[in-house]
Amino acid sequence: MAEPLASWIDGAAKAAIVAFVEGVTAPGSDDHVPPAYAQWAGKQLPTEAERELACRGGLNGAEFAWGDEFNPEGRWMANTWQGEFPLENLELGGYAAPPRLAGIRRTATACST
């Protein structure tokens, strides 16, 4: 018979999962994944400034990654919430709320009535 899958309900499995995640994400840990991978690959991790510049496609000093205007020519450049969070998303940019927010919306609505 196959072993049951780990579950957050099971204390031992939860502890093992948490220990693993903490081990691979804690800076300074021998098992910290990004530096270990970079070392293995013979590379180095970018500095915060290098990462920021790369994310901005070389556009340095602008307020947003795409420039200084939030909605250039009325175009939505990012999936941002428009309306009263989490009750109403006007979806002006054409994006609907992710499914995981549906429960939050129901809870918030129930609590506000």
PDB file of N, CA and C in Angstrom:
ATOM      1  N   MET A   1       0.847  -1.182   0.000  1.00  0.00           N
ATOM      2  CA  MET A   1       0.000   0.000   0.000  1.00  0.00           C
ATOM      3  C   MET A   1       0.892   1.245   0.000  1.00  0.00           C
ATOM      4  N   ALA A   2       0.518   2.208  -0.787  1.00  0.00           N
ATOM      5  CA  ALA A   2       1.307   3.435  -0.913  1.00  0.00           C
ATOM      6  C   ALA A   2       1.195   4.273   0.348  1.00  0.00           C
ATOM      7  N   GLU A   3       2.271   4.977   0.631  1.00  0.00           N
ATOM      8  CA  GLU A   3       2.275   5.891   1.778  1.00  0.00           C
ATOM      9  C   GLU A   3       1.311   7.039   1.501  1.00  0.00           C
ATOM     10  N   PRO A   4       0.573   7.493   2.511  1.00  0.00           N
ATOM     11  CA  PRO A   4      -0.311   8.653   2.295  1.00  0.00           C
ATOM     12  C   PRO A   4       0.527   9.906   2.040  1.00  0.00           C
ATOM     13  N   LEU A   5      -0.029  10.817   1.283  1.00  0.00           N
ATOM     14  CA  LEU A   5       0.664  12.065   0.991  1.00  0.00           C
ATOM     15  C   LEU A   5       0.768  12.913   2.248  1.00  0.00           C
ATOM     16  N   ALA A   6       1.828  13.702   2.327  1.00  0.00           N
ATOM     17  CA  ALA A   6       2.007  14.602   3.469  1.00  0.00           C
ATOM     18  C   ALA A   6       0.882  15.621   3.502  1.00  0.00           C
ATOM     19  N   SER A   7       0.506  15.991   4.690  1.00  0.00           N
ATOM     20  CA  SER A   7      -0.588  16.941   4.858  1.00  0.00           C
ATOM     21  C   SER A   7      -0.227  17.936   5.945  1.00  0.00           C
ATOM     22  N   TRP A   8      -0.706  19.168   5.800  1.00  0.00           N
ATOM     23  CA  TRP A   8      -0.488  20.183   6.827  1.00  0.00           C
ATOM     24  C   TRP A   8      -1.210  19.819   8.119  1.00  0.00           C
ATOM     25  N   ILE A   9      -2.195  18.914   8.038  1.00  0.00           N
ATOM     26  CA  ILE A   9      -2.941  18.523   9.230  1.00  0.00           C
ATOM     27  C   ILE A   9      -2.076  17.648  10.132  1.00  0.00           C
ATOM     28  N   ASP A  10      -1.226  16.832   9.534  1.00  0.00           N
ATOM     29  CA  ASP A  10      -0.356  15.925  10.275  1.00  0.00           C
ATOM     30  C   ASP A  10       0.827  16.712  10.834  1.00  0.00           C
ATOM     31  N   GLY A  11       0.981  16.740  12.137  1.00  0.00           N
ATOM     32  CA  GLY A  11       2.031  17.534  12.771  1.00  0.00           C
ATOM     33  C   GLY A  11       3.428  17.174  12.316  1.00  0.00           C
ATOM     34  N   ALA A  12       3.738  15.877  12.177  1.00  0.00           N
ATOM     35  CA  ALA A  12       5.081  15.458  11.779  1.00  0.00           C
ATOM     36  C   ALA A  12       5.382  15.881  10.345  1.00  0.00           C
ATOM     37  N   ALA A  13       4.402  15.704   9.454  1.00  0.00           N
ATOM     38  CA  ALA A  13       4.608  16.103   8.064  1.00  0.00           C
ATOM     39  C   ALA A  13       4.763  17.612   7.962  1.00  0.00           C
ATOM     40  N   LYS A  14       3.950  18.338   8.698  1.00  0.00           N
ATOM     41  CA  LYS A  14       4.038  19.801   8.674  1.00  0.00           C
ATOM     42  C   LYS A  14       5.413  20.244   9.149  1.00  0.00           C
ATOM     43  N   ALA A  15       5.892  19.656  10.227  1.00  0.00           N
ATOM     44  CA  ALA A  15       7.207  20.026  10.759  1.00  0.00           C
ATOM     45  C   ALA A  15       8.306  19.735   9.740  1.00  0.00           C
ATOM     46  N   ALA A  16       8.207  18.598   9.047  1.00  0.00           N
ATOM     47  CA  ALA A  16       9.213  18.244   8.047  1.00  0.00           C
ATOM     48  C   ALA A  16       9.181  19.211   6.867  1.00  0.00           C
ATOM     49  N   ILE A  17       7.993  19.570   6.432  1.00  0.00           N
ATOM     50  CA  ILE A  17       7.857  20.498   5.306  1.00  0.00           C
ATOM     51  C   ILE A  17       8.402  21.870   5.692  1.00  0.00           C
ATOM     52  N   VAL A  18       8.030  22.352   6.869  1.00  0.00           N
ATOM     53  CA  VAL A  18       8.503  23.658   7.336  1.00  0.00           C
ATOM     54  C   VAL A  18      10.027  23.661   7.463  1.00  0.00           C
ATOM     55  N   ALA A  19      10.591  22.599   8.031  1.00  0.00           N
ATOM     56  CA  ALA A  19      12.049  22.515   8.183  1.00  0.00           C
ATOM     57  C   ALA A  19      12.742  22.548   6.823  1.00  0.00           C
ATOM     58  N   PHE A  20      12.186  21.823   5.843  1.00  0.00           N
ATOM     59  CA  PHE A  20      12.772  21.814   4.500  1.00  0.00           C
ATOM     60  C   PHE A  20      12.731  23.206   3.888  1.00  0.00           C
ATOM     61  N   VAL A  21      11.557  23.841   3.928  1.00  0.00           N
ATOM     62  CA  VAL A  21      11.398  25.168   3.326  1.00  0.00           C
ATOM     63  C   VAL A  21      12.322  26.171   4.010  1.00  0.00           C
ATOM     64  N   GLU A  22      12.383  26.121   5.331  1.00  0.00           N
ATOM     65  CA  GLU A  22      13.277  27.046   6.045  1.00  0.00           C
ATOM     66  C   GLU A  22      14.728  26.794   5.666  1.00  0.00           C
ATOM     67  N   GLY A  23      15.096  25.539   5.481  1.00  0.00           N
ATOM     68  CA  GLY A  23      16.472  25.207   5.135  1.00  0.00           C
ATOM     69  C   GLY A  23      16.888  25.707   3.763  1.00  0.00           C
ATOM     70  N   VAL A  24      16.001  25.647   2.789  1.00  0.00           N
ATOM     71  CA  VAL A  24      16.371  26.054   1.429  1.00  0.00           C
ATOM     72  C   VAL A  24      16.104  27.523   1.154  1.00  0.00           C
ATOM     73  N   THR A  25      15.476  28.220   2.090  1.00  0.00           N
ATOM     74  CA  THR A  25      15.195  29.632   1.853  1.00  0.00           C
ATOM     75  C   THR A  25      15.921  30.556   2.827  1.00  0.00           C
ATOM     76  N   ALA A  26      16.560  30.013   3.849  1.00  0.00           N
ATOM     77  CA  ALA A  26      17.221  30.854   4.856  1.00  0.00           C
ATOM     78  C   ALA A  26      18.596  31.282   4.367  1.00  0.00           C
ATOM     79  N   PRO A  27      18.789  32.586   4.156  1.00  0.00           N
ATOM     80  CA  PRO A  27      20.121  33.055   3.780  1.00  0.00           C
ATOM     81  C   PRO A  27      21.141  32.634   4.838  1.00  0.00           C
ATOM     82  N   GLY A  28      22.297  32.175   4.387  1.00  0.00           N
ATOM     83  CA  GLY A  28      23.333  31.719   5.301  1.00  0.00           C
ATOM     84  C   GLY A  28      23.283  30.223   5.536  1.00  0.00           C
ATOM     85  N   SER A  29      22.170  29.588   5.216  1.00  0.00           N
ATOM     86  CA  SER A  29      22.043  28.136   5.363  1.00  0.00           C
ATOM     87  C   SER A  29      22.880  27.456   4.291  1.00  0.00           C
ATOM     88  N   ASP A  30      23.484  26.319   4.629  1.00  0.00           N
ATOM     89  CA  ASP A  30      24.258  25.567   3.641  1.00  0.00           C
ATOM     90  C   ASP A  30      23.385  25.106   2.488  1.00  0.00           C
ATOM     91  N   ASP A  31      22.098  24.937   2.748  1.00  0.00           N
ATOM     92  CA  ASP A  31      21.179  24.439   1.732  1.00  0.00           C
ATOM     93  C   ASP A  31      20.425  25.555   1.005  1.00  0.00           C
ATOM     94  N   HIS A  32      20.764  26.820   1.252  1.00  0.00           N
ATOM     95  CA  HIS A  32      20.058  27.941   0.626  1.00  0.00           C
ATOM     96  C   HIS A  32      20.169  27.802  -0.884  1.00  0.00           C
ATOM     97  N   VAL A  33      19.047  27.618  -1.547  1.00  0.00           N
ATOM     98  CA  VAL A  33      19.011  27.226  -2.958  1.00  0.00           C
ATOM     99  C   VAL A  33      19.654  28.225  -3.918  1.00  0.00           C
ATOM    100  N   PRO A  34      19.280  29.504  -3.920  1.00  0.00           N
ATOM    101  CA  PRO A  34      19.855  30.379  -4.964  1.00  0.00           C
ATOM    102  C   PRO A  34      21.381  30.441  -4.965  1.00  0.00           C
ATOM    103  N   PRO A  35      22.046  30.692  -3.827  1.00  0.00           N
ATOM    104  CA  PRO A  35      23.512  30.734  -3.902  1.00  0.00           C
ATOM    105  C   PRO A  35      24.123  29.374  -4.227  1.00  0.00           C
ATOM    106  N   ALA A  36      23.524  28.310  -3.699  1.00  0.00           N
ATOM    107  CA  ALA A  36      24.058  26.974  -3.974  1.00  0.00           C
ATOM    108  C   ALA A  36      23.965  26.668  -5.463  1.00  0.00           C
ATOM    109  N   TYR A  37      22.854  27.018  -6.087  1.00  0.00           N
ATOM    110  CA  TYR A  37      22.691  26.782  -7.522  1.00  0.00           C
ATOM    111  C   TYR A  37      23.686  27.639  -8.312  1.00  0.00           C
ATOM    112  N   ALA A  38      23.789  28.909  -7.937  1.00  0.00           N
ATOM    113  CA  ALA A  38      24.703  29.801  -8.656  1.00  0.00           C
ATOM    114  C   ALA A  38      26.135  29.279  -8.558  1.00  0.00           C
ATOM    115  N   GLN A  39      26.526  28.834  -7.376  1.00  0.00           N
ATOM    116  CA  GLN A  39      27.877  28.298  -7.199  1.00  0.00           C
ATOM    117  C   GLN A  39      28.060  27.050  -8.062  1.00  0.00           C
ATOM    118  N   TRP A  40      27.065  26.170  -8.050  1.00  0.00           N
ATOM    119  CA  TRP A  40      27.127  24.949  -8.851  1.00  0.00           C
ATOM    120  C   TRP A  40      27.252  25.285 -10.336  1.00  0.00           C
ATOM    121  N   ALA A  41      26.523  26.314 -10.782  1.00  0.00           N
ATOM    122  CA  ALA A  41      26.519  26.693 -12.191  1.00  0.00           C
ATOM    123  C   ALA A  41      27.719  27.560 -12.568  1.00  0.00           C
ATOM    124  N   GLY A  42      28.553  27.910 -11.580  1.00  0.00           N
ATOM    125  CA  GLY A  42      29.711  28.759 -11.862  1.00  0.00           C
ATOM    126  C   GLY A  42      29.328  30.196 -12.144  1.00  0.00           C
ATOM    127  N   LYS A  43      28.215  30.633 -11.596  1.00  0.00           N
ATOM    128  CA  LYS A  43      27.708  31.996 -11.811  1.00  0.00           C
ATOM    129  C   LYS A  43      27.633  32.719 -10.475  1.00  0.00           C
ATOM    130  N   GLN A  44      27.155  33.948 -10.507  1.00  0.00           N
ATOM    131  CA  GLN A  44      26.894  34.676  -9.265  1.00  0.00           C
ATOM    132  C   GLN A  44      25.514  35.299  -9.348  1.00  0.00           C
ATOM    133  N   LEU A  45      24.893  35.486  -8.195  1.00  0.00           N
ATOM    134  CA  LEU A  45      23.577  36.101  -8.159  1.00  0.00           C
ATOM    135  C   LEU A  45      23.693  37.591  -8.431  1.00  0.00           C
ATOM    136  N   PRO A  46      22.712  38.179  -9.099  1.00  0.00           N
ATOM    137  CA  PRO A  46      22.763  39.627  -9.331  1.00  0.00           C
ATOM    138  C   PRO A  46      22.537  40.395  -8.032  1.00  0.00           C
ATOM    139  N   THR A  47      23.068  41.589  -7.981  1.00  0.00           N
ATOM    140  CA  THR A  47      22.806  42.457  -6.838  1.00  0.00           C
ATOM    141  C   THR A  47      21.369  42.968  -6.942  1.00  0.00           C
ATOM    142  N   GLU A  48      20.873  43.589  -5.903  1.00  0.00           N
ATOM    143  CA  GLU A  48      19.517  44.146  -5.952  1.00  0.00           C
ATOM    144  C   GLU A  48      19.407  45.185  -7.073  1.00  0.00           C
ATOM    145  N   ALA A  49      20.416  46.024  -7.228  1.00  0.00           N
ATOM    146  CA  ALA A  49      20.396  47.052  -8.275  1.00  0.00           C
ATOM    147  C   ALA A  49      20.400  46.408  -9.667  1.00  0.00           C
ATOM    148  N   GLU A  50      21.176  45.350  -9.844  1.00  0.00           N
ATOM    149  CA  GLU A  50      21.204  44.657 -11.141  1.00  0.00           C
ATOM    150  C   GLU A  50      19.859  44.007 -11.445  1.00  0.00           C
ATOM    151  N   ARG A  51      19.241  43.410 -10.420  1.00  0.00           N
ATOM    152  CA  ARG A  51      17.926  42.788 -10.611  1.00  0.00           C
ATOM    153  C   ARG A  51      16.888  43.838 -10.982  1.00  0.00           C
ATOM    154  N   GLU A  52      16.914  44.967 -10.283  1.00  0.00           N
ATOM    155  CA  GLU A  52      15.957  46.047 -10.554  1.00  0.00           C
ATOM    156  C   GLU A  52      16.119  46.563 -11.985  1.00  0.00           C
ATOM    157  N   LEU A  53      17.339  46.775 -12.412  1.00  0.00           N
ATOM    158  CA  LEU A  53      17.600  47.262 -13.766  1.00  0.00           C
ATOM    159  C   LEU A  53      17.126  46.241 -14.804  1.00  0.00           C
ATOM    160  N   ALA A  54      17.362  44.966 -14.546  1.00  0.00           N
ATOM    161  CA  ALA A  54      16.912  43.920 -15.479  1.00  0.00           C
ATOM    162  C   ALA A  54      15.388  43.867 -15.544  1.00  0.00           C
ATOM    163  N   CYS A  55      14.748  43.987 -14.395  1.00  0.00           N
ATOM    164  CA  CYS A  55      13.279  43.953 -14.374  1.00  0.00           C
ATOM    165  C   CYS A  55      12.687  45.137 -15.136  1.00  0.00           C
ATOM    166  N   ARG A  56      13.400  46.230 -15.158  1.00  0.00           N
ATOM    167  CA  ARG A  56      12.921  47.427 -15.843  1.00  0.00           C
ATOM    168  C   ARG A  56      13.381  47.470 -17.301  1.00  0.00           C
ATOM    169  N   GLY A  57      13.971  46.416 -17.760  1.00  0.00           N
ATOM    170  CA  GLY A  57      14.406  46.369 -19.156  1.00  0.00           C
ATOM    171  C   GLY A  57      15.405  47.462 -19.497  1.00  0.00           C
ATOM    172  N   GLY A  58      16.192  47.864 -18.525  1.00  0.00           N
ATOM    173  CA  GLY A  58      17.183  48.908 -18.754  1.00  0.00           C
ATOM    174  C   GLY A  58      16.667  50.313 -18.526  1.00  0.00           C
ATOM    175  N   LEU A  59      15.389  50.470 -18.227  1.00  0.00           N
ATOM    176  CA  LEU A  59      14.794  51.783 -17.996  1.00  0.00           C
ATOM    177  C   LEU A  59      15.099  52.202 -16.554  1.00  0.00           C
ATOM    178  N   ASN A  60      16.147  52.955 -16.369  1.00  0.00           N
ATOM    179  CA  ASN A  60      16.616  53.293 -15.033  1.00  0.00           C
ATOM    180  C   ASN A  60      15.996  54.593 -14.532  1.00  0.00           C
ATOM    181  N   GLY A  61      15.537  54.606 -13.281  1.00  0.00           N
ATOM    182  CA  GLY A  61      15.046  55.828 -12.657  1.00  0.00           C
ATOM    183  C   GLY A  61      13.574  56.114 -12.861  1.00  0.00           C
ATOM    184  N   ALA A  62      12.866  55.308 -13.617  1.00  0.00           N
ATOM    185  CA  ALA A  62      11.434  55.527 -13.841  1.00  0.00           C
ATOM    186  C   ALA A  62      10.649  55.046 -12.621  1.00  0.00           C
ATOM    187  N   GLU A  63       9.478  55.613 -12.424  1.00  0.00           N
ATOM    188  CA  GLU A  63       8.659  55.234 -11.284  1.00  0.00           C
ATOM    189  C   GLU A  63       8.152  53.796 -11.388  1.00  0.00           C
ATOM    190  N   PHE A  64       7.788  53.377 -12.583  1.00  0.00           N
ATOM    191  CA  PHE A  64       7.284  52.025 -12.813  1.00  0.00           C
ATOM    192  C   PHE A  64       8.220  51.301 -13.778  1.00  0.00           C
ATOM    193  N   ALA A  65       8.102  49.988 -13.844  1.00  0.00           N
ATOM    194  CA  ALA A  65       8.976  49.206 -14.721  1.00  0.00           C
ATOM    195  C   ALA A  65       8.814  49.592 -16.187  1.00  0.00           C
ATOM    196  N   TRP A  66       7.662  50.151 -16.564  1.00  0.00           N
ATOM    197  CA  TRP A  66       7.374  50.505 -17.966  1.00  0.00           C
ATOM    198  C   TRP A  66       7.507  52.006 -18.232  1.00  0.00           C
ATOM    199  N   GLY A  67       7.853  52.806 -17.232  1.00  0.00           N
ATOM    200  CA  GLY A  67       7.999  54.252 -17.417  1.00  0.00           C
ATOM    201  C   GLY A  67       7.451  55.015 -16.228  1.00  0.00           C
ATOM    202  N   ASP A  68       7.188  56.303 -16.421  1.00  0.00           N
ATOM    203  CA  ASP A  68       6.746  57.146 -15.313  1.00  0.00           C
ATOM    204  C   ASP A  68       5.233  57.279 -15.209  1.00  0.00           C
ATOM    205  N   GLU A  69       4.508  56.903 -16.230  1.00  0.00           N
ATOM    206  CA  GLU A  69       3.052  57.038 -16.223  1.00  0.00           C
ATOM    207  C   GLU A  69       2.413  55.694 -15.855  1.00  0.00           C
ATOM    208  N   PHE A  70       1.468  55.723 -14.895  1.00  0.00           N
ATOM    209  CA  PHE A  70       0.831  54.491 -14.428  1.00  0.00           C
ATOM    210  C   PHE A  70       0.036  53.806 -15.540  1.00  0.00           C
ATOM    211  N   ASN A  71      -0.769  54.565 -16.264  1.00  0.00           N
ATOM    212  CA  ASN A  71      -1.570  54.037 -17.381  1.00  0.00           C
ATOM    213  C   ASN A  71      -1.273  54.847 -18.642  1.00  0.00           C
ATOM    214  N   PRO A  72      -0.156  54.583 -19.316  1.00  0.00           N
ATOM    215  CA  PRO A  72       0.165  55.380 -20.496  1.00  0.00           C
ATOM    216  C   PRO A  72      -0.910  55.230 -21.581  1.00  0.00           C
ATOM    217  N   GLU A  73      -1.415  56.364 -22.010  1.00  0.00           N
ATOM    218  CA  GLU A  73      -2.463  56.423 -23.038  1.00  0.00           C
ATOM    219  C   GLU A  73      -3.661  55.547 -22.676  1.00  0.00           C
ATOM    220  N   GLY A  74      -3.971  55.464 -21.368  1.00  0.00           N
ATOM    221  CA  GLY A  74      -5.115  54.695 -20.896  1.00  0.00           C
ATOM    222  C   GLY A  74      -4.917  53.191 -20.906  1.00  0.00           C
ATOM    223  N   ARG A  75      -3.716  52.743 -21.188  1.00  0.00           N
ATOM    224  CA  ARG A  75      -3.429  51.302 -21.261  1.00  0.00           C
ATOM    225  C   ARG A  75      -2.963  50.789 -19.904  1.00  0.00           C
ATOM    226  N   TRP A  76      -3.590  49.721 -19.420  1.00  0.00           N
ATOM    227  CA  TRP A  76      -3.194  49.109 -18.149  1.00  0.00           C
ATOM    228  C   TRP A  76      -1.981  48.235 -18.394  1.00  0.00           C
ATOM    229  N   MET A  77      -0.899  48.542 -17.698  1.00  0.00           N
ATOM    230  CA  MET A  77       0.359  47.834 -17.904  1.00  0.00           C
ATOM    231  C   MET A  77       0.570  46.693 -16.917  1.00  0.00           C
ATOM    232  N   ALA A  78      -0.288  46.626 -15.890  1.00  0.00           N
ATOM    233  CA  ALA A  78      -0.157  45.580 -14.882  1.00  0.00           C
ATOM    234  C   ALA A  78      -1.544  45.207 -14.385  1.00  0.00           C
ATOM    235  N   ASN A  79      -1.666  44.016 -13.863  1.00  0.00           N
ATOM    236  CA  ASN A  79      -2.932  43.552 -13.310  1.00  0.00           C
ATOM    237  C   ASN A  79      -3.080  44.158 -11.921  1.00  0.00           C
ATOM    238  N   THR A  80      -3.738  45.308 -11.846  1.00  0.00           N
ATOM    239  CA  THR A  80      -3.930  45.994 -10.574  1.00  0.00           C
ATOM    240  C   THR A  80      -5.413  46.039 -10.239  1.00  0.00           C
ATOM    241  N   TRP A  81      -5.701  46.037  -8.975  1.00  0.00           N
ATOM    242  CA  TRP A  81      -7.091  46.058  -8.506  1.00  0.00           C
ATOM    243  C   TRP A  81      -7.632  47.469  -8.664  1.00  0.00           C
ATOM    244  N   GLN A  82      -8.821  47.588  -9.254  1.00  0.00           N
ATOM    245  CA  GLN A  82      -9.483  48.882  -9.345  1.00  0.00           C
ATOM    246  C   GLN A  82     -10.829  48.735  -8.644  1.00  0.00           C
ATOM    247  N   GLY A  83     -11.063  49.540  -7.630  1.00  0.00           N
ATOM    248  CA  GLY A  83     -12.306  49.453  -6.867  1.00  0.00           C
ATOM    249  C   GLY A  83     -12.009  49.224  -5.401  1.00  0.00           C
ATOM    250  N   GLU A  84     -13.065  48.989  -4.647  1.00  0.00           N
ATOM    251  CA  GLU A  84     -12.926  48.791  -3.205  1.00  0.00           C
ATOM    252  C   GLU A  84     -12.502  47.357  -2.929  1.00  0.00           C
ATOM    253  N   PHE A  85     -11.277  47.200  -2.472  1.00  0.00           N
ATOM    254  CA  PHE A  85     -10.742  45.857  -2.198  1.00  0.00           C
ATOM    255  C   PHE A  85     -11.284  45.352  -0.882  1.00  0.00           C
ATOM    256  N   PRO A  86     -11.671  44.111  -0.777  1.00  0.00           N
ATOM    257  CA  PRO A  86     -11.783  43.067  -1.782  1.00  0.00           C
ATOM    258  C   PRO A  86     -13.213  42.917  -2.304  1.00  0.00           C
ATOM    259  N   LEU A  87     -14.035  43.924  -2.080  1.00  0.00           N
ATOM    260  CA  LEU A  87     -15.459  43.799  -2.400  1.00  0.00           C
ATOM    261  C   LEU A  87     -15.785  43.993  -3.874  1.00  0.00           C
ATOM    262  N   GLU A  88     -15.061  44.878  -4.539  1.00  0.00           N
ATOM    263  CA  GLU A  88     -15.428  45.207  -5.912  1.00  0.00           C
ATOM    264  C   GLU A  88     -14.181  45.438  -6.757  1.00  0.00           C
ATOM    265  N   ASN A  89     -14.073  44.710  -7.850  1.00  0.00           N
ATOM    266  CA  ASN A  89     -12.999  44.936  -8.810  1.00  0.00           C
ATOM    267  C   ASN A  89     -13.659  45.414 -10.092  1.00  0.00           C
ATOM    268  N   LEU A  90     -13.408  46.644 -10.473  1.00  0.00           N
ATOM    269  CA  LEU A  90     -14.028  47.217 -11.665  1.00  0.00           C
ATOM    270  C   LEU A  90     -13.487  46.607 -12.952  1.00  0.00           C
ATOM    271  N   GLU A  91     -12.365  45.887 -12.851  1.00  0.00           N
ATOM    272  CA  GLU A  91     -11.754  45.189 -13.983  1.00  0.00           C
ATOM    273  C   GLU A  91     -11.514  46.114 -15.175  1.00  0.00           C
ATOM    274  N   LEU A  92     -11.084  47.335 -14.908  1.00  0.00           N
ATOM    275  CA  LEU A  92     -10.857  48.305 -15.978  1.00  0.00           C
ATOM    276  C   LEU A  92      -9.769  47.864 -16.943  1.00  0.00           C
ATOM    277  N   GLY A  93      -8.820  47.094 -16.433  1.00  0.00           N
ATOM    278  CA  GLY A  93      -7.748  46.627 -17.300  1.00  0.00           C
ATOM    279  C   GLY A  93      -8.090  45.343 -18.027  1.00  0.00           C
ATOM    280  N   GLY A  94      -9.302  44.831 -17.806  1.00  0.00           N
ATOM    281  CA  GLY A  94      -9.715  43.610 -18.483  1.00  0.00           C
ATOM    282  C   GLY A  94      -9.405  42.347 -17.713  1.00  0.00           C
ATOM    283  N   TYR A  95      -8.840  42.484 -16.512  1.00  0.00           N
ATOM    284  CA  TYR A  95      -8.495  41.317 -15.715  1.00  0.00           C
ATOM    285  C   TYR A  95      -9.557  41.098 -14.644  1.00  0.00           C
ATOM    286  N   ALA A  96     -10.000  39.869 -14.505  1.00  0.00           N
ATOM    287  CA  ALA A  96     -10.938  39.522 -13.439  1.00  0.00           C
ATOM    288  C   ALA A  96     -10.142  39.117 -12.203  1.00  0.00           C
ATOM    289  N   ALA A  97     -10.794  39.129 -11.071  1.00  0.00           N
ATOM    290  CA  ALA A  97     -10.147  38.705  -9.830  1.00  0.00           C
ATOM    291  C   ALA A  97      -9.738  37.245  -9.957  1.00  0.00           C
ATOM    292  N   PRO A  98      -8.562  36.902  -9.460  1.00  0.00           N
ATOM    293  CA  PRO A  98      -8.170  35.497  -9.479  1.00  0.00           C
ATOM    294  C   PRO A  98      -9.162  34.665  -8.670  1.00  0.00           C
ATOM    295  N   PRO A  99      -9.383  33.406  -9.031  1.00  0.00           N
ATOM    296  CA  PRO A  99     -10.352  32.575  -8.319  1.00  0.00           C
ATOM    297  C   PRO A  99     -10.115  32.507  -6.821  1.00  0.00           C
ATOM    298  N   ARG A 100      -8.868  32.574  -6.376  1.00  0.00           N
ATOM    299  CA  ARG A 100      -8.598  32.442  -4.947  1.00  0.00           C
ATOM    300  C   ARG A 100      -9.160  33.606  -4.135  1.00  0.00           C
ATOM    301  N   LEU A 101      -9.470  34.720  -4.783  1.00  0.00           N
ATOM    302  CA  LEU A 101     -10.051  35.846  -4.060  1.00  0.00           C
ATOM    303  C   LEU A 101     -11.557  35.710  -3.868  1.00  0.00           C
ATOM    304  N   ALA A 102     -12.174  34.779  -4.564  1.00  0.00           N
ATOM    305  CA  ALA A 102     -13.622  34.630  -4.464  1.00  0.00           C
ATOM    306  C   ALA A 102     -14.044  34.346  -3.031  1.00  0.00           C
ATOM    307  N   GLY A 103     -13.338  33.480  -2.331  1.00  0.00           N
ATOM    308  CA  GLY A 103     -13.664  33.168  -0.942  1.00  0.00           C
ATOM    309  C   GLY A 103     -13.473  34.369  -0.044  1.00  0.00           C
ATOM    310  N   ILE A 104     -12.427  35.151  -0.289  1.00  0.00           N
ATOM    311  CA  ILE A 104     -12.192  36.349   0.509  1.00  0.00           C
ATOM    312  C   ILE A 104     -13.335  37.329   0.300  1.00  0.00           C
ATOM    313  N   ARG A 105     -13.759  37.468  -0.954  1.00  0.00           N
ATOM    314  CA  ARG A 105     -14.846  38.401  -1.249  1.00  0.00           C
ATOM    315  C   ARG A 105     -16.120  37.967  -0.518  1.00  0.00           C
ATOM    316  N   ARG A 106     -16.427  36.667  -0.563  1.00  0.00           N
ATOM    317  CA  ARG A 106     -17.642  36.176   0.119  1.00  0.00           C
ATOM    318  C   ARG A 106     -17.541  36.417   1.611  1.00  0.00           C
ATOM    319  N   THR A 107     -16.376  36.138   2.192  1.00  0.00           N
ATOM    320  CA  THR A 107     -16.183  36.329   3.626  1.00  0.00           C
ATOM    321  C   THR A 107     -16.313  37.792   3.996  1.00  0.00           C
ATOM    322  N   ALA A 108     -15.654  38.656   3.223  1.00  0.00           N
ATOM    323  CA  ALA A 108     -15.699  40.092   3.522  1.00  0.00           C
ATOM    324  C   ALA A 108     -17.128  40.618   3.391  1.00  0.00           C
ATOM    325  N   THR A 109     -17.844  40.155   2.383  1.00  0.00           N
ATOM    326  CA  THR A 109     -19.230  40.601   2.204  1.00  0.00           C
ATOM    327  C   THR A 109     -20.096  40.128   3.356  1.00  0.00           C
ATOM    328  N   ALA A 110     -19.910  38.873   3.770  1.00  0.00           N
ATOM    329  CA  ALA A 110     -20.703  38.334   4.882  1.00  0.00           C
ATOM    330  C   ALA A 110     -20.409  39.076   6.169  1.00  0.00           C
ATOM    331  N   CYS A 111     -19.160  39.466   6.379  1.00  0.00           N
ATOM    332  CA  CYS A 111     -18.783  40.165   7.608  1.00  0.00           C
ATOM    333  C   CYS A 111     -19.268  41.608   7.627  1.00  0.00           C
ATOM    334  N   SER A 112     -19.484  42.180   6.448  1.00  0.00           N
ATOM    335  CA  SER A 112     -19.867  43.589   6.401  1.00  0.00           C
ATOM    336  C   SER A 112     -21.371  43.798   6.435  1.00  0.00           C
ATOM    337  N   THR A 113     -22.139  42.698   6.385  1.00  0.00           N
ATOM    338  CA  THR A 113     -23.590  42.844   6.391  1.00  0.00           C
ATOM    339  C   THR A 113     -24.166  42.590   7.771  1.00  0.00           C
TER     340      THR A 113
END
